[in-house]
Amino acid sequence: MTDPRVLLGAASVALGVVALVPYLRDTLAGRTKPHLFSWLIWAVLTAVGFAGQMRAGAGPGAWAAGVTVAGCCTVVALAARGGLGYVTRLDWWCLAGGGCALALWPLAGPLAAVLLAEVVSGVGFVPTVAKSFVRPWDETLSVYVLAAVKFGLAGVAVRRWSALGLLPPVADGLMELLMVVVLVSRRRVLVGVPV
């Protein structure tokens, strides 16, 4: 009999791929404008979370983070084609904060490093949230909805429940839900009708 965590891990990977396809399509078509700094921060820091989960024996619960790293790197490459685009002083501060956190990794233990990575990953959402508050149609809503579900499944699929294994999917899922709330609420406010 197949371990249900393996099925949940595989489902989280499938959702990650399914979520990314419309985002990449919309980015290539110019409908979605990913924030380069956010996606760069997410790529690097999700890799740290993935490494921490693997070290903690999260098993199938770490697979979603692995596929997310690959997806983030793909979006970074596409976003870089368009240059820096909509970049503010706050964005530069967030990128600098991410760099400072990366410099502190060697001094931290595995849990501290993953916690720091998740905090900085949250900071990585700041540029995208700020941009989305003003221009909510510059993001593909479905990617954040499916990513929230993906990380929920990944959390349940964690083989050995520990702070190190559970922190990345729980924190990442909550950040994805925040983006859903921002996009849906801002679209409703700006248009005055439901999304």
C-alpha atoms as a PDB file:
ATOM      1  CA  MET A   1       0.000   0.000   0.000  1.00  0.00           C
ATOM      2  CA  THR A   2       1.295   3.447  -0.907  1.00  0.00           C
ATOM      3  CA  ASP A   3       2.136   5.817   1.921  1.00  0.00           C
ATOM      4  CA  PRO A   4      -0.503   8.602   1.885  1.00  0.00           C
ATOM      5  CA  ARG A   5       2.270  11.148   2.467  1.00  0.00           C
ATOM      6  CA  VAL A   6       3.837  10.125  -0.834  1.00  0.00           C
ATOM      7  CA  LEU A   7       0.498  10.729  -2.574  1.00  0.00           C
ATOM      8  CA  LEU A   8       0.125  14.119  -0.867  1.00  0.00           C
ATOM      9  CA  GLY A   9       3.718  15.047  -1.757  1.00  0.00           C
ATOM     10  CA  ALA A  10       3.109  14.073  -5.382  1.00  0.00           C
ATOM     11  CA  ALA A  11      -0.149  16.060  -5.403  1.00  0.00           C
ATOM     12  CA  SER A  12       1.672  19.108  -4.048  1.00  0.00           C
ATOM     13  CA  VAL A  13       4.266  18.823  -6.836  1.00  0.00           C
ATOM     14  CA  ALA A  14       1.520  18.446  -9.466  1.00  0.00           C
ATOM     15  CA  LEU A  15      -0.265  21.512  -8.093  1.00  0.00           C
ATOM     16  CA  GLY A  16       2.995  23.445  -8.172  1.00  0.00           C
ATOM     17  CA  VAL A  17       3.467  22.650 -11.852  1.00  0.00           C
ATOM     18  CA  VAL A  18      -0.198  23.289 -12.724  1.00  0.00           C
ATOM     19  CA  ALA A  19      -0.105  26.632 -10.884  1.00  0.00           C
ATOM     20  CA  LEU A  20       3.023  27.762 -12.680  1.00  0.00           C
ATOM     21  CA  VAL A  21       1.832  27.075 -16.242  1.00  0.00           C
ATOM     22  CA  PRO A  22      -0.733  29.937 -16.411  1.00  0.00           C
ATOM     23  CA  TYR A  23       1.677  32.249 -14.594  1.00  0.00           C
ATOM     24  CA  LEU A  24       4.414  31.571 -17.144  1.00  0.00           C
ATOM     25  CA  ARG A  25       1.903  31.872 -20.014  1.00  0.00           C
ATOM     26  CA  ASP A  26       0.630  35.210 -18.691  1.00  0.00           C
ATOM     27  CA  THR A  27       4.191  36.448 -18.107  1.00  0.00           C
ATOM     28  CA  LEU A  28       5.239  35.573 -21.664  1.00  0.00           C
ATOM     29  CA  ALA A  29       2.090  37.293 -22.984  1.00  0.00           C
ATOM     30  CA  GLY A  30       2.811  40.416 -20.916  1.00  0.00           C
ATOM     31  CA  ARG A  31      -0.369  40.149 -18.801  1.00  0.00           C
ATOM     32  CA  THR A  32       1.538  39.230 -15.639  1.00  0.00           C
ATOM     33  CA  LYS A  33       4.532  41.273 -14.585  1.00  0.00           C
ATOM     34  CA  PRO A  34       6.469  39.376 -11.910  1.00  0.00           C
ATOM     35  CA  HIS A  35       8.521  41.468  -9.524  1.00  0.00           C
ATOM     36  CA  LEU A  36      12.119  40.409 -10.137  1.00  0.00           C
ATOM     37  CA  PHE A  37      13.278  41.105  -6.569  1.00  0.00           C
ATOM     38  CA  SER A  38      10.476  39.083  -4.969  1.00  0.00           C
ATOM     39  CA  TRP A  39      11.023  36.062  -7.182  1.00  0.00           C
ATOM     40  CA  LEU A  40      14.802  36.199  -6.731  1.00  0.00           C
ATOM     41  CA  ILE A  41      14.421  36.302  -2.943  1.00  0.00           C
ATOM     42  CA  TRP A  42      11.903  33.446  -3.052  1.00  0.00           C
ATOM     43  CA  ALA A  43      14.145  31.292  -5.263  1.00  0.00           C
ATOM     44  CA  VAL A  44      17.133  31.568  -2.948  1.00  0.00           C
ATOM     45  CA  LEU A  45      15.258  31.310   0.323  1.00  0.00           C
ATOM     46  CA  THR A  46      12.955  28.499  -0.750  1.00  0.00           C
ATOM     47  CA  ALA A  47      16.129  26.590  -1.590  1.00  0.00           C
ATOM     48  CA  VAL A  48      17.241  27.114   2.019  1.00  0.00           C
ATOM     49  CA  GLY A  49      13.882  25.891   3.310  1.00  0.00           C
ATOM     50  CA  PHE A  50      14.061  22.886   0.990  1.00  0.00           C
ATOM     51  CA  ALA A  51      17.563  22.023   2.238  1.00  0.00           C
ATOM     52  CA  GLY A  52      16.382  22.340   5.849  1.00  0.00           C
ATOM     53  CA  GLN A  53      13.392  20.116   5.203  1.00  0.00           C
ATOM     54  CA  MET A  54      15.569  17.498   3.548  1.00  0.00           C
ATOM     55  CA  ARG A  55      17.921  17.586   6.533  1.00  0.00           C
ATOM     56  CA  ALA A  56      14.960  17.164   8.886  1.00  0.00           C
ATOM     57  CA  GLY A  57      13.714  14.117   6.968  1.00  0.00           C
ATOM     58  CA  ALA A  58      10.529  15.786   5.720  1.00  0.00           C
ATOM     59  CA  GLY A  59      10.477  13.401   2.743  1.00  0.00           C
ATOM     60  CA  PRO A  60       7.494  13.981   0.449  1.00  0.00           C
ATOM     61  CA  GLY A  61       6.648  17.112   2.427  1.00  0.00           C
ATOM     62  CA  ALA A  62       9.777  18.752   0.966  1.00  0.00           C
ATOM     63  CA  TRP A  63       8.978  17.988  -2.664  1.00  0.00           C
ATOM     64  CA  ALA A  64       6.769  21.074  -3.071  1.00  0.00           C
ATOM     65  CA  ALA A  65       9.652  23.299  -1.987  1.00  0.00           C
ATOM     66  CA  GLY A  66      11.950  21.624  -4.508  1.00  0.00           C
ATOM     67  CA  VAL A  67       9.570  22.197  -7.409  1.00  0.00           C
ATOM     68  CA  THR A  68       8.963  25.746  -6.148  1.00  0.00           C
ATOM     69  CA  VAL A  69      12.695  26.517  -6.358  1.00  0.00           C
ATOM     70  CA  ALA A  70      12.723  25.421 -10.007  1.00  0.00           C
ATOM     71  CA  GLY A  71       9.601  27.470 -10.737  1.00  0.00           C
ATOM     72  CA  CYS A  72      10.970  30.577  -9.032  1.00  0.00           C
ATOM     73  CA  CYS A  73      14.207  30.340 -11.025  1.00  0.00           C
ATOM     74  CA  THR A  74      12.185  30.112 -14.249  1.00  0.00           C
ATOM     75  CA  VAL A  75      10.155  33.207 -13.305  1.00  0.00           C
ATOM     76  CA  VAL A  76      13.369  35.078 -12.372  1.00  0.00           C
ATOM     77  CA  ALA A  77      14.760  34.350 -15.839  1.00  0.00           C
ATOM     78  CA  LEU A  78      11.565  35.616 -17.499  1.00  0.00           C
ATOM     79  CA  ALA A  79      11.296  38.671 -15.246  1.00  0.00           C
ATOM     80  CA  ALA A  80      14.938  39.591 -15.901  1.00  0.00           C
ATOM     81  CA  ARG A  81      14.199  39.839 -19.633  1.00  0.00           C
ATOM     82  CA  GLY A  82      12.084  42.924 -18.942  1.00  0.00           C
ATOM     83  CA  GLY A  83      14.673  44.646 -16.763  1.00  0.00           C
ATOM     84  CA  LEU A  84      13.922  45.927 -13.284  1.00  0.00           C
ATOM     85  CA  GLY A  85      10.523  47.372 -14.210  1.00  0.00           C
ATOM     86  CA  TYR A  86       8.488  48.651 -11.267  1.00  0.00           C
ATOM     87  CA  VAL A  87      11.148  48.953  -8.554  1.00  0.00           C
ATOM     88  CA  THR A  88      10.928  51.254  -5.552  1.00  0.00           C
ATOM     89  CA  ARG A  89      13.292  52.229  -2.765  1.00  0.00           C
ATOM     90  CA  LEU A  90      11.412  49.782  -0.495  1.00  0.00           C
ATOM     91  CA  ASP A  91      12.209  47.008  -2.965  1.00  0.00           C
ATOM     92  CA  TRP A  92      15.942  47.768  -2.738  1.00  0.00           C
ATOM     93  CA  TRP A  93      15.719  47.713   1.077  1.00  0.00           C
ATOM     94  CA  CYS A  94      13.992  44.311   0.952  1.00  0.00           C
ATOM     95  CA  LEU A  95      16.669  42.947  -1.374  1.00  0.00           C
ATOM     96  CA  ALA A  96      19.404  44.315   0.893  1.00  0.00           C
ATOM     97  CA  GLY A  97      17.682  42.747   3.918  1.00  0.00           C
ATOM     98  CA  GLY A  98      17.620  39.424   2.118  1.00  0.00           C
ATOM     99  CA  GLY A  99      21.327  39.749   1.379  1.00  0.00           C
ATOM    100  CA  CYS A 100      22.100  40.525   5.027  1.00  0.00           C
ATOM    101  CA  ALA A 101      20.113  37.489   6.142  1.00  0.00           C
ATOM    102  CA  LEU A 102      22.013  35.301   3.676  1.00  0.00           C
ATOM    103  CA  ALA A 103      25.278  36.536   5.167  1.00  0.00           C
ATOM    104  CA  LEU A 104      24.112  35.414   8.635  1.00  0.00           C
ATOM    105  CA  TRP A 105      23.371  31.806   7.607  1.00  0.00           C
ATOM    106  CA  PRO A 106      26.796  30.379   8.447  1.00  0.00           C
ATOM    107  CA  LEU A 107      26.399  31.652  12.000  1.00  0.00           C
ATOM    108  CA  ALA A 108      22.972  30.059  12.505  1.00  0.00           C
ATOM    109  CA  GLY A 109      21.998  26.450  13.123  1.00  0.00           C
ATOM    110  CA  PRO A 110      19.602  24.654  10.719  1.00  0.00           C
ATOM    111  CA  LEU A 111      16.381  25.753  12.445  1.00  0.00           C
ATOM    112  CA  ALA A 112      17.587  29.339  12.861  1.00  0.00           C
ATOM    113  CA  ALA A 113      18.666  29.411   9.209  1.00  0.00           C
ATOM    114  CA  VAL A 114      15.265  28.159   8.003  1.00  0.00           C
ATOM    115  CA  LEU A 115      13.426  30.553  10.334  1.00  0.00           C
ATOM    116  CA  LEU A 116      15.550  33.419   9.048  1.00  0.00           C
ATOM    117  CA  ALA A 117      14.914  32.292   5.468  1.00  0.00           C
ATOM    118  CA  GLU A 118      11.153  32.280   6.064  1.00  0.00           C
ATOM    119  CA  VAL A 119      11.233  35.756   7.617  1.00  0.00           C
ATOM    120  CA  VAL A 120      13.219  37.105   4.691  1.00  0.00           C
ATOM    121  CA  SER A 121      10.945  35.234   2.279  1.00  0.00           C
ATOM    122  CA  GLY A 122       8.070  37.121   3.888  1.00  0.00           C
ATOM    123  CA  VAL A 123      10.019  40.324   3.300  1.00  0.00           C
ATOM    124  CA  GLY A 124      10.312  39.160  -0.305  1.00  0.00           C
ATOM    125  CA  PHE A 125       6.527  39.381  -0.539  1.00  0.00           C
ATOM    126  CA  VAL A 126       6.600  43.088   0.352  1.00  0.00           C
ATOM    127  CA  PRO A 127       7.517  44.332  -3.151  1.00  0.00           C
ATOM    128  CA  THR A 128       4.900  42.101  -4.795  1.00  0.00           C
ATOM    129  CA  VAL A 129       2.204  43.004  -2.254  1.00  0.00           C
ATOM    130  CA  ALA A 130       2.990  46.717  -2.661  1.00  0.00           C
ATOM    131  CA  LYS A 131       2.889  46.438  -6.460  1.00  0.00           C
ATOM    132  CA  SER A 132      -0.279  44.341  -6.341  1.00  0.00           C
ATOM    133  CA  PHE A 133      -1.998  46.835  -4.083  1.00  0.00           C
ATOM    134  CA  VAL A 134      -1.660  49.421  -6.850  1.00  0.00           C
ATOM    135  CA  ARG A 135      -1.848  47.109  -9.887  1.00  0.00           C
ATOM    136  CA  PRO A 136      -3.605  43.872  -8.839  1.00  0.00           C
ATOM    137  CA  TRP A 137      -4.089  42.676 -12.415  1.00  0.00           C
ATOM    138  CA  ASP A 138      -0.313  42.465 -12.905  1.00  0.00           C
ATOM    139  CA  GLU A 139      -0.401  39.112 -11.084  1.00  0.00           C
ATOM    140  CA  THR A 140      -2.074  35.808 -11.962  1.00  0.00           C
ATOM    141  CA  LEU A 141      -4.425  35.039  -9.059  1.00  0.00           C
ATOM    142  CA  SER A 142      -4.599  31.289  -9.687  1.00  0.00           C
ATOM    143  CA  VAL A 143      -0.874  30.790  -8.997  1.00  0.00           C
ATOM    144  CA  TYR A 144      -1.295  32.027  -5.421  1.00  0.00           C
ATOM    145  CA  VAL A 145      -4.507  30.052  -4.799  1.00  0.00           C
ATOM    146  CA  LEU A 146      -2.946  26.817  -6.037  1.00  0.00           C
ATOM    147  CA  ALA A 147       0.336  27.523  -4.225  1.00  0.00           C
ATOM    148  CA  ALA A 148      -1.547  27.903  -0.928  1.00  0.00           C
ATOM    149  CA  VAL A 149      -3.186  24.510  -1.495  1.00  0.00           C
ATOM    150  CA  LYS A 150       0.182  23.043  -2.598  1.00  0.00           C
ATOM    151  CA  PHE A 151       1.875  24.109   0.621  1.00  0.00           C
ATOM    152  CA  GLY A 152      -1.091  22.879   2.677  1.00  0.00           C
ATOM    153  CA  LEU A 153      -0.721  19.418   1.138  1.00  0.00           C
ATOM    154  CA  ALA A 154       3.045  19.591   1.606  1.00  0.00           C
ATOM    155  CA  GLY A 155       2.600  20.339   5.311  1.00  0.00           C
ATOM    156  CA  VAL A 156       0.429  17.273   5.773  1.00  0.00           C
ATOM    157  CA  ALA A 157       2.886  15.177   3.717  1.00  0.00           C
ATOM    158  CA  VAL A 158       5.858  15.932   5.999  1.00  0.00           C
ATOM    159  CA  ARG A 159       7.200  12.554   7.083  1.00  0.00           C
ATOM    160  CA  ARG A 160       8.756  13.643  10.407  1.00  0.00           C
ATOM    161  CA  TRP A 161       6.859  16.463  11.996  1.00  0.00           C
ATOM    162  CA  SER A 162       9.259  18.983  13.459  1.00  0.00           C
ATOM    163  CA  ALA A 163       9.630  22.750  13.449  1.00  0.00           C
ATOM    164  CA  LEU A 164      12.320  22.418  10.793  1.00  0.00           C
ATOM    165  CA  GLY A 165      10.149  20.228   8.570  1.00  0.00           C
ATOM    166  CA  LEU A 166       6.848  22.083   9.027  1.00  0.00           C
ATOM    167  CA  LEU A 167       7.953  25.716   9.119  1.00  0.00           C
ATOM    168  CA  PRO A 168       8.502  26.160   5.341  1.00  0.00           C
ATOM    169  CA  PRO A 169       5.154  24.802   4.085  1.00  0.00           C
ATOM    170  CA  VAL A 170       3.129  26.493   6.838  1.00  0.00           C
ATOM    171  CA  ALA A 171       4.821  29.891   6.481  1.00  0.00           C
ATOM    172  CA  ASP A 172       4.829  29.749   2.681  1.00  0.00           C
ATOM    173  CA  GLY A 173       1.173  28.715   2.584  1.00  0.00           C
ATOM    174  CA  LEU A 174       0.197  31.644   4.803  1.00  0.00           C
ATOM    175  CA  MET A 175       2.126  34.079   2.596  1.00  0.00           C
ATOM    176  CA  GLU A 176       0.379  32.709  -0.496  1.00  0.00           C
ATOM    177  CA  LEU A 177      -2.992  33.204   1.229  1.00  0.00           C
ATOM    178  CA  LEU A 178      -2.030  36.805   1.985  1.00  0.00           C
ATOM    179  CA  MET A 179      -1.447  37.384  -1.738  1.00  0.00           C
ATOM    180  CA  VAL A 180      -4.849  35.885  -2.545  1.00  0.00           C
ATOM    181  CA  VAL A 181      -6.510  38.261  -0.070  1.00  0.00           C
ATOM    182  CA  VAL A 182      -4.629  41.288  -1.440  1.00  0.00           C
ATOM    183  CA  LEU A 183      -5.373  40.477  -5.078  1.00  0.00           C
ATOM    184  CA  VAL A 184      -9.043  39.648  -4.557  1.00  0.00           C
ATOM    185  CA  SER A 185      -9.769  42.588  -2.258  1.00  0.00           C
ATOM    186  CA  ARG A 186      -7.919  45.145  -4.398  1.00  0.00           C
ATOM    187  CA  ARG A 187      -9.594  43.951  -7.605  1.00  0.00           C
ATOM    188  CA  ARG A 188     -12.976  44.268  -5.946  1.00  0.00           C
ATOM    189  CA  VAL A 189     -12.211  47.731  -4.622  1.00  0.00           C
ATOM    190  CA  LEU A 190     -10.798  49.009  -7.912  1.00  0.00           C
ATOM    191  CA  VAL A 191     -13.559  47.592 -10.085  1.00  0.00           C
ATOM    192  CA  GLY A 192     -16.369  47.615  -7.567  1.00  0.00           C
ATOM    193  CA  VAL A 193     -17.512  44.150  -8.596  1.00  0.00           C
ATOM    194  CA  PRO A 194     -16.566  40.643  -7.480  1.00  0.00           C
ATOM    195  CA  VAL A 195     -13.565  39.000  -9.152  1.00  0.00           C
END
